[in-house]
Structure formats: structure tokens, C-alpha cells
């Protein structure tokens, strides 16, 4: 069950490579959205007590909203030392739009699921849209999945439980595939650019919704929800373009300090890629400035949106110490952050997933106004 984490301020606490948003899954666990394969789960499953309505609940002590020292449009932008950097994403001119509705995949009593695509600079990105039934306009959630090998990835894969759950509760759900996935256009430089292109695709997904002209989509009420690697994409988006969305939720995210992700997944598992990245950008030890500039934590002072974080204590893919450090950094910068920690939950979430989604919807309803 979830529990409270004591700290300087009491707050309710309760995928490979992305280098900048490096993966949140080990090689053995690379299935949809970082969910462990049946064999891997059977080999070592440690789950906490499932939460029920009779379980004692810790009081919600939400961190007070911080008033930004500057408006989103005035947030200071550091000089970019490299075009592969978060400062480069801050100053980039985004070319989005052209949200196209594709074929219908599913009709339920609550929503229609169909393929979509949108423009992200010179690329076209695929995805799916779950559109609730009714007149709308509906608030929109852009969902950012964790690592799934591009050789097996299909449109809309990842975060399937969340896609269904949120659409049934009145949210239009746009799940982006990212570049190099499914029917999206290819970007041969994605790996060498530390997959920061996924952040560009996320910014452009939000802008495409705003410019879509689809009356049932409310482009002024947009939030982000990311899991594992997608949590890192979420952090990047919040610091690169503050004010773009209204709120953000992350599940079992990667580290907000990019060198942690690099050391865990690239150096340990992909030595050839690691050597190429070091040759281009330097190692974390040899060129610390570069690695600071691809880490969202460096720029947490720019965040203007409330953030809800969920993480399990038994996560052996993205260790919870990463999230504790992220949370502390956000709070040290005076940001509106809430962390829920779930005893015994692993990376993919199991028994306490329903509780985490109930909390997520309450948070989103409050900030997106369903």
C-alpha cells in the first residue's frame, strides 16, 4: 500500500535509452510499454498489498502551488551550447499541425478509437486518438509511452490500460508513437541526438491538437501523461516549453539527470552506441556541461505546471531513488509537485494501479476542469 514520505516539507508521496529520456526498461523486460514479460514476472514478482476501499488512506497533503517568478513566455532561456540540448528545444521554432483522422479501430459505448497522424517539423508522426462520445469539447491528454523496441512496436502500443481508462472518464486521449515508431517517419539521427526528438514530437502533438479545428477537442485544456521513458519526455517538455500544457502526470519515470540513464542502459548494454555518443558529445565525466544541458533537472526552475508522480518501491528498472531526487529538486525550486510512493509495486504497476489511476483522474479533473 502507499505510504507517506517524510521530508523537509510533508507532502503525500505516494521505456531503451532516451538519454535525455533514456529508457526505463531492462533488456529482459522489453515488452509493451516496459511491462515485464510473463516469464520475467513469474521469475520474480513482489507486489504490495492491493489497495481497497477499506484500506487506511494517508491524508492528501498537496504541495502549495508555487507562483512562477516569470510568466511562461518570459522564462529565461539559457544560451544553447549544442543543438543537441534542452536549451535548443527552448528556442526551436516548432512546425506542427495537420492532425489527420485515420481509420476507425474500435467503437465502444464510451469512445471511438482511430488512427491519427500529425506533422512534427519535416516528419509525420503516427498515433491513435480515443475520442469520447458526446458533443464535447473534451480536455485532451497526450500520452507518452515507455520504451518498446521499434522492430516490434505497432501504432498505439503502450499505456493501453491508461488509454481506455481515461477515455471512459471523459478525456480525449492522443497517444503519440514518436518518430521511428510504427507508421511515423524515420529520423536516422534519433539515437545520436539522445532521442530529444521525442520531446519535439510531444510539443508538436500539443500544437497539432490546438490547430486541428476539431470542435470536440479542447486545445486549451491539454495535459501530459508519461510512463518510464515517457516520464523523461514529459520532464523535457515541461522545461523546454513552460505553459504549453495545464498539468502533467508521470509513472515510474526515468531519471531527470540524463547521465544516470546513460550509465544504466547505454554503457551497460549498448557499448557501440555509447562509444559513438561519447565520441560526438563527450562522456559525462569528460564533458559535464553537455550532460547538464540534456538533463531536465538542470532547468526545473522553468516549470510552471503542477506535476503528479507515481513510483513503486520495488521498481528494479527505474529505481525509486531517481524519483526521490527529482521530487526534491522540483520542491527545492518551489514547484507544485506531489509524489505518491507505492510499497511493493514494480515498474509496470499491478495491484495498486487502480488506486494510482483514481488519484490521477482526481488530479487531472482539478487542473483540466472536466
Protein backbone atom coordinates (compact mmCIF):
# COMPACT_ATOMS: atom_id res chain seq x y z
CA UNK A 1 0.00 0.00 0.00
CA UNK A 2 1.06 3.58 -0.47
CA UNK A 3 2.67 5.50 2.32
CA UNK A 4 3.78 8.96 3.25
CA UNK A 5 7.37 10.11 2.83
CA UNK A 6 8.71 12.46 5.48
CA UNK A 7 10.90 15.29 4.33
CA UNK A 8 11.62 18.96 4.76
CA UNK A 9 8.09 19.58 3.53
CA UNK A 10 5.40 16.98 4.21
CA UNK A 11 3.65 16.04 1.02
CA UNK A 12 1.64 12.98 0.04
CA UNK A 13 4.10 10.74 -1.68
CA UNK A 14 2.97 8.18 -2.78
CA UNK A 15 10.74 2.87 -21.95
CA UNK A 16 15.80 1.50 -24.43
CA UNK A 17 17.57 4.70 -23.85
CA UNK A 18 16.48 8.04 -24.05
CA UNK A 19 19.44 9.85 -22.83
CA UNK A 20 17.68 12.92 -22.14
CA UNK A 21 14.85 10.49 -21.78
CA UNK A 22 16.65 7.19 -21.74
CA UNK A 23 14.70 4.02 -21.41
CA UNK A 24 13.12 2.71 -18.28
CA UNK A 25 13.30 -0.99 -19.05
CA UNK A 26 15.97 -3.62 -18.78
CA UNK A 27 16.76 -5.82 -21.74
CA UNK A 28 14.90 -8.73 -20.18
CA UNK A 29 11.74 -6.68 -19.73
CA UNK A 30 11.39 -5.14 -23.18
CA UNK A 31 7.76 -5.74 -23.94
CA UNK A 32 4.94 -3.27 -24.48
CA UNK A 33 5.47 -0.06 -22.54
CA UNK A 34 8.14 -1.55 -20.37
CA UNK A 35 5.72 -4.10 -18.92
CA UNK A 36 7.61 -7.18 -17.83
CA UNK A 37 7.21 -10.27 -19.95
CA UNK A 38 5.19 -13.11 -18.36
CA UNK A 39 8.37 -15.09 -17.89
CA UNK A 40 10.15 -12.20 -16.23
CA UNK A 41 7.21 -11.51 -13.96
CA UNK A 42 6.92 -15.12 -12.91
CA UNK A 43 10.59 -15.24 -12.15
CA UNK A 44 10.42 -12.54 -9.52
CA UNK A 45 7.18 -10.84 -8.57
CA UNK A 46 6.95 -8.89 -5.35
CA UNK A 47 3.75 -6.96 -5.01
CA UNK A 48 2.43 -4.93 -2.15
CA UNK A 49 -0.98 -5.36 -0.57
CA UNK A 50 -3.70 -4.37 -3.03
CA UNK A 51 -5.44 -1.16 -2.09
CA UNK A 52 -9.12 -1.49 -1.26
CA UNK A 53 -11.81 0.89 -0.11
CA UNK A 54 -11.31 -0.39 3.41
CA UNK A 55 -7.57 0.21 3.40
CA UNK A 56 -6.48 3.16 5.51
CA UNK A 57 -5.57 6.09 3.33
CA UNK A 58 -3.00 8.72 4.10
CA UNK A 59 -4.40 12.25 4.05
CA UNK A 60 -3.67 14.13 0.86
CA UNK A 61 -1.28 16.92 1.67
CA UNK A 62 -0.84 18.67 -1.62
CA UNK A 63 2.16 20.89 -2.11
CA UNK A 64 1.09 24.51 -2.38
CA UNK A 65 1.15 25.94 -5.87
CA UNK A 66 4.22 28.00 -6.49
CA UNK A 67 3.89 31.33 -8.21
CA UNK A 68 6.43 31.44 -11.02
CA UNK A 69 8.85 34.33 -10.84
CA UNK A 70 8.22 34.88 -14.53
CA UNK A 71 5.36 34.16 -16.88
CA UNK A 72 5.86 31.17 -19.21
CA UNK A 73 6.69 33.42 -22.13
CA UNK A 74 9.26 35.26 -20.03
CA UNK A 75 11.04 32.22 -18.63
CA UNK A 76 14.76 32.82 -19.15
CA UNK A 77 16.35 30.73 -21.85
CA UNK A 78 19.99 29.71 -21.36
CA UNK A 79 22.32 30.01 -24.30
CA UNK A 80 22.49 26.66 -26.05
CA UNK A 81 25.99 25.27 -26.29
CA UNK A 82 24.83 22.50 -28.60
CA UNK A 83 21.95 21.92 -30.94
CA UNK A 84 21.55 18.62 -29.07
CA UNK A 85 20.39 20.18 -25.82
CA UNK A 86 17.32 21.22 -23.92
CA UNK A 87 18.15 24.93 -24.45
CA UNK A 88 17.95 24.19 -28.18
CA UNK A 89 14.42 22.84 -27.62
CA UNK A 90 13.57 26.04 -25.76
CA UNK A 91 14.44 28.27 -28.72
CA UNK A 92 13.32 25.97 -31.51
CA UNK A 93 10.59 27.14 -33.90
CA UNK A 94 8.07 24.32 -33.90
CA UNK A 95 6.31 23.35 -37.10
CA UNK A 96 3.23 21.36 -36.13
CA UNK A 97 -0.29 20.85 -37.35
CA UNK A 98 -2.06 18.75 -39.91
CA UNK A 99 -3.79 16.45 -37.41
CA UNK A 100 -5.42 13.85 -39.64
CA UNK A 101 -8.01 11.35 -38.53
CA UNK A 102 -7.47 7.86 -39.96
CA UNK A 103 -9.38 4.62 -39.87
CA UNK A 104 -11.63 3.60 -37.00
CA UNK A 105 -10.12 0.78 -34.94
CA UNK A 106 -12.78 0.33 -32.27
CA UNK A 107 -16.14 1.66 -31.17
CA UNK A 108 -17.31 1.28 -27.59
CA UNK A 109 -20.21 2.73 -25.70
CA UNK A 110 -17.88 5.40 -24.34
CA UNK A 111 -15.46 6.32 -27.11
CA UNK A 112 -14.24 5.75 -30.65
CA UNK A 113 -10.63 4.71 -31.24
CA UNK A 114 -8.96 5.62 -34.51
CA UNK A 115 -5.55 6.15 -36.05
CA UNK A 116 -4.19 9.66 -36.45
CA UNK A 117 -1.09 11.41 -37.71
CA UNK A 118 0.32 14.91 -37.34
CA UNK A 119 3.25 16.99 -38.52
CA UNK A 120 6.40 17.37 -36.43
CA UNK A 121 8.81 19.55 -38.35
CA UNK A 122 9.79 17.68 -41.51
CA UNK A 123 8.38 14.41 -40.18
CA UNK A 124 4.91 12.94 -39.95
CA UNK A 125 4.14 11.15 -36.67
CA UNK A 126 1.54 8.43 -36.22
CA UNK A 127 -0.59 7.63 -33.21
CA UNK A 128 -4.09 6.89 -32.01
CA UNK A 129 -6.93 9.02 -30.70
CA UNK A 130 -9.60 7.83 -28.27
CA UNK A 131 -12.43 10.34 -28.64
CA UNK A 132 -15.26 10.16 -26.10
CA UNK A 133 -18.83 10.06 -27.30
CA UNK A 134 -20.77 13.27 -26.90
CA UNK A 135 -20.63 16.85 -28.04
CA UNK A 136 -17.55 17.94 -26.14
CA UNK A 137 -15.29 19.77 -26.33
CA UNK A 138 -13.23 17.34 -24.31
CA UNK A 139 -9.98 18.06 -22.50
CA UNK A 140 -7.06 16.30 -24.16
CA UNK A 141 -4.32 14.14 -22.70
CA UNK A 142 -1.19 13.46 -24.75
CA UNK A 143 0.15 10.07 -23.66
CA UNK A 144 3.87 9.28 -23.86
CA UNK A 145 4.77 5.61 -23.76
CA UNK A 146 7.85 3.92 -22.41
CA UNK A 147 10.45 2.09 -24.42
CA UNK A 148 9.31 -0.59 -26.83
CA UNK A 149 11.69 -1.94 -29.43
CA UNK A 150 10.85 -0.20 -32.71
CA UNK A 151 11.13 -3.51 -34.57
CA UNK A 152 8.01 -4.82 -32.82
CA UNK A 153 6.17 -1.61 -31.98
CA UNK A 154 2.72 -1.05 -33.54
CA UNK A 155 0.60 2.08 -33.55
CA UNK A 156 -0.82 2.95 -30.15
CA UNK A 157 1.12 0.27 -28.30
CA UNK A 158 1.89 1.08 -24.71
CA UNK A 159 -0.26 2.64 -21.99
CA UNK A 160 -3.22 0.63 -23.24
CA UNK A 161 -4.86 0.44 -19.82
CA UNK A 162 -4.50 4.17 -19.36
CA UNK A 163 -5.82 4.97 -22.83
CA UNK A 164 -9.04 3.08 -22.15
CA UNK A 165 -9.45 4.23 -18.54
CA UNK A 166 -9.04 7.93 -19.31
CA UNK A 167 -11.27 7.95 -22.40
CA UNK A 168 -14.06 6.35 -20.37
CA UNK A 169 -13.77 9.26 -17.95
CA UNK A 170 -14.23 12.00 -20.49
CA UNK A 171 -10.73 12.67 -21.76
CA UNK A 172 -9.75 12.70 -25.41
CA UNK A 173 -6.54 10.64 -25.48
CA UNK A 174 -3.89 11.28 -28.11
CA UNK A 175 -1.19 8.62 -27.85
CA UNK A 176 1.83 9.57 -29.92
CA UNK A 177 4.03 6.86 -31.40
CA UNK A 178 7.13 9.15 -31.60
CA UNK A 179 9.43 9.23 -34.64
CA UNK A 180 10.86 5.92 -35.88
CA UNK A 181 7.86 4.05 -34.41
CA UNK A 182 5.04 2.33 -36.31
CA UNK A 183 3.95 4.47 -39.28
CA UNK A 184 5.91 7.55 -38.19
CA UNK A 185 8.64 8.88 -40.45
CA UNK A 186 12.19 7.85 -39.68
CA UNK A 187 14.84 10.04 -38.11
CA UNK A 188 18.24 8.37 -38.63
CA UNK A 189 19.87 10.74 -36.15
CA UNK A 190 17.49 9.99 -33.26
CA UNK A 191 19.89 7.81 -31.27
CA UNK A 192 22.87 10.12 -31.77
CA UNK A 193 20.68 13.06 -30.71
CA UNK A 194 19.84 11.32 -27.46
CA UNK A 195 16.22 10.92 -28.57
CA UNK A 196 15.45 14.52 -27.78
CA UNK A 197 13.38 14.37 -30.96
CA UNK A 198 10.71 12.60 -28.90
CA UNK A 199 10.30 15.83 -26.97
CA UNK A 200 9.89 17.75 -30.21
CA UNK A 201 7.21 15.25 -31.25
CA UNK A 202 5.41 15.82 -27.95
CA UNK A 203 5.41 19.61 -28.24
CA UNK A 204 4.13 19.29 -31.78
CA UNK A 205 1.39 16.86 -30.70
CA UNK A 206 0.01 19.51 -28.35
CA UNK A 207 0.27 22.20 -31.01
CA UNK A 208 -1.39 19.93 -33.57
CA UNK A 209 -4.36 19.48 -31.21
CA UNK A 210 -4.64 23.23 -30.79
CA UNK A 211 -4.58 23.80 -34.54
CA UNK A 212 -6.73 20.81 -35.51
CA UNK A 213 -10.03 22.60 -35.88
CA UNK A 214 -11.74 19.51 -34.44
CA UNK A 215 -14.55 21.02 -32.38
CA UNK A 216 -14.70 18.12 -29.92
CA UNK A 217 -11.06 18.64 -28.87
CA UNK A 218 -10.41 21.44 -26.39
CA UNK A 219 -6.94 22.64 -27.33
CA UNK A 220 -6.84 24.99 -24.34
CA UNK A 221 -7.18 22.15 -21.83
CA UNK A 222 -4.30 19.78 -22.55
CA UNK A 223 -2.23 17.65 -20.17
CA UNK A 224 0.61 15.16 -20.43
CA UNK A 225 0.88 11.64 -19.04
CA UNK A 226 4.13 9.70 -19.45
CA UNK A 227 5.41 6.36 -18.27
CA UNK A 228 9.04 5.32 -17.78
CA UNK A 229 10.92 6.78 -20.75
CA UNK A 230 7.80 8.81 -21.45
CA UNK A 231 8.18 10.31 -17.99
CA UNK A 232 11.54 11.68 -19.10
CA UNK A 233 9.92 13.06 -22.26
CA UNK A 234 7.36 14.73 -20.01
CA UNK A 235 10.03 16.42 -17.88
CA UNK A 236 11.83 17.62 -21.01
CA UNK A 237 8.63 19.10 -22.42
CA UNK A 238 7.79 20.95 -19.22
CA UNK A 239 11.19 22.67 -19.05
CA UNK A 240 11.54 23.27 -22.79
CA UNK A 241 8.11 24.85 -23.25
CA UNK A 242 6.64 26.01 -19.93
CA UNK A 243 2.98 26.94 -20.18
CA UNK A 244 2.35 24.58 -23.09
CA UNK A 245 0.02 22.34 -21.05
CA UNK A 246 -2.03 22.61 -17.87
CA UNK A 247 -0.70 19.67 -15.84
CA UNK A 248 1.42 16.52 -16.07
CA UNK A 249 1.42 13.01 -14.60
CA UNK A 250 4.31 10.53 -14.70
CA UNK A 251 4.51 6.87 -13.75
CA UNK A 252 7.78 5.13 -12.82
CA UNK A 253 9.87 7.72 -14.69
CA UNK A 254 13.49 7.56 -15.71
CA UNK A 255 15.97 9.85 -14.01
CA UNK A 256 15.75 13.59 -14.61
CA UNK A 257 19.56 13.56 -14.67
CA UNK A 258 20.46 12.14 -18.07
CA UNK A 259 23.82 10.69 -17.15
CA UNK A 260 22.06 8.28 -14.76
CA UNK A 261 20.11 6.82 -17.67
CA UNK A 262 23.17 6.75 -19.91
CA UNK A 263 25.23 4.89 -17.34
CA UNK A 264 22.47 2.38 -16.60
CA UNK A 265 21.34 1.41 -20.09
CA UNK A 266 23.80 2.61 -22.71
CA UNK A 267 27.17 1.98 -21.15
CA UNK A 268 25.98 -1.31 -19.71
CA UNK A 269 24.03 -2.71 -22.65
CA UNK A 270 24.88 -0.84 -25.87
CA UNK A 271 28.61 -0.28 -25.90
CA UNK A 272 28.78 0.55 -29.61
CA UNK A 273 26.18 3.29 -29.28
CA UNK A 274 27.82 4.52 -26.07
CA UNK A 275 31.15 4.87 -27.88
CA UNK A 276 29.51 6.84 -30.69
CA UNK A 277 27.75 9.18 -28.28
CA UNK A 278 30.93 9.78 -26.28
CA UNK A 279 32.85 10.44 -29.50
CA UNK A 280 30.29 13.07 -30.53
CA UNK A 281 29.46 14.70 -27.22
CA UNK A 282 32.00 13.58 -24.66
CA UNK A 283 31.43 11.42 -21.63
CA UNK A 284 29.59 12.60 -18.50
CA UNK A 285 32.98 12.81 -16.81
CA UNK A 286 34.78 14.49 -19.70
CA UNK A 287 32.11 16.97 -20.79
CA UNK A 288 29.81 17.60 -17.81
CA UNK A 289 28.41 20.79 -19.35
CA UNK A 290 26.90 18.89 -22.26
CA UNK A 291 25.27 16.34 -19.95
CA UNK A 292 23.84 19.10 -17.77
CA UNK A 293 22.32 20.68 -20.88
CA UNK A 294 20.50 17.48 -21.85
CA UNK A 295 19.13 16.94 -18.33
CA UNK A 296 15.71 18.39 -17.49
CA UNK A 297 16.64 18.69 -13.81
CA UNK A 298 19.04 21.48 -14.72
CA UNK A 299 16.09 23.62 -15.79
CA UNK A 300 13.42 22.76 -13.21
CA UNK A 301 13.24 26.44 -12.29
CA UNK A 302 11.32 26.91 -15.57
CA UNK A 303 8.46 24.52 -14.74
CA UNK A 304 5.08 26.22 -14.37
CA UNK A 305 2.70 23.24 -14.32
CA UNK A 306 1.61 21.03 -11.40
CA UNK A 307 3.17 17.56 -11.56
CA UNK A 308 1.91 14.28 -10.09
CA UNK A 309 4.43 11.43 -9.80
CA UNK A 310 3.70 7.74 -9.08
CA UNK A 311 6.51 5.28 -8.26
CA UNK A 312 6.78 1.82 -6.67
CA UNK A 313 9.39 0.81 -4.13
CA UNK A 314 10.14 -2.48 -5.92
CA UNK A 315 10.85 -0.94 -9.32
CA UNK A 316 14.05 -2.66 -10.48
CA UNK A 317 14.11 -0.85 -13.81
CA UNK A 318 13.87 2.80 -12.76
CA UNK A 319 14.98 2.86 -9.11
CA UNK A 320 12.84 4.97 -6.85
CA UNK A 321 15.87 6.91 -5.64
CA UNK A 322 15.83 8.67 -9.02
CA UNK A 323 12.31 9.90 -8.44
CA UNK A 324 13.06 10.96 -4.88
CA UNK A 325 15.92 13.09 -6.24
CA UNK A 326 13.66 14.52 -8.96
CA UNK A 327 10.94 15.32 -6.45
CA UNK A 328 13.40 17.02 -4.10
CA UNK A 329 14.77 19.11 -6.97
CA UNK A 330 11.29 20.21 -8.01
CA UNK A 331 10.39 21.15 -4.45
CA UNK A 332 13.69 22.95 -3.94
CA UNK A 333 12.72 25.09 -6.93
CA UNK A 334 9.35 25.86 -5.34
CA UNK A 335 7.29 23.80 -7.79
CA UNK A 336 3.84 22.28 -7.29
CA UNK A 337 4.84 18.61 -7.17
CA UNK A 338 3.19 15.66 -5.47
CA UNK A 339 4.75 12.21 -5.17
CA UNK A 340 2.90 9.01 -4.30
CA UNK A 341 5.09 6.05 -3.37
CA UNK A 342 3.58 2.54 -3.56
CA UNK A 343 5.09 -0.12 -1.33
CA UNK A 344 5.91 -3.30 -3.22
CA UNK A 345 4.85 -2.07 -6.65
CA UNK A 346 7.14 -2.89 -9.56
CA UNK A 347 7.84 -0.94 -12.71
CA UNK A 348 4.63 -1.79 -14.57
CA UNK A 349 2.29 -1.39 -11.57
CA UNK A 350 -0.10 -4.17 -10.58
CA UNK A 351 -2.39 -4.34 -7.52
CA UNK A 352 -2.30 -0.61 -6.81
CA UNK A 353 -2.72 0.55 -10.41
CA UNK A 354 -6.46 1.28 -9.91
CA UNK A 355 -5.64 3.47 -6.91
CA UNK A 356 -2.98 5.32 -8.89
CA UNK A 357 -5.47 5.99 -11.69
CA UNK A 358 -8.15 7.22 -9.30
CA UNK A 359 -5.63 9.71 -7.96
CA UNK A 360 -4.58 10.63 -11.48
CA UNK A 361 -8.13 11.42 -12.57
CA UNK A 362 -8.81 13.50 -9.46
CA UNK A 363 -5.62 15.47 -10.16
CA UNK A 364 -6.44 15.96 -13.85
CA UNK A 365 -10.06 16.87 -13.16
CA UNK A 366 -8.86 19.57 -10.80
CA UNK A 367 -6.41 21.11 -13.25
CA UNK A 368 -8.11 20.46 -16.60
CA UNK A 369 -11.65 21.01 -15.37
CA UNK A 370 -13.60 18.01 -16.66
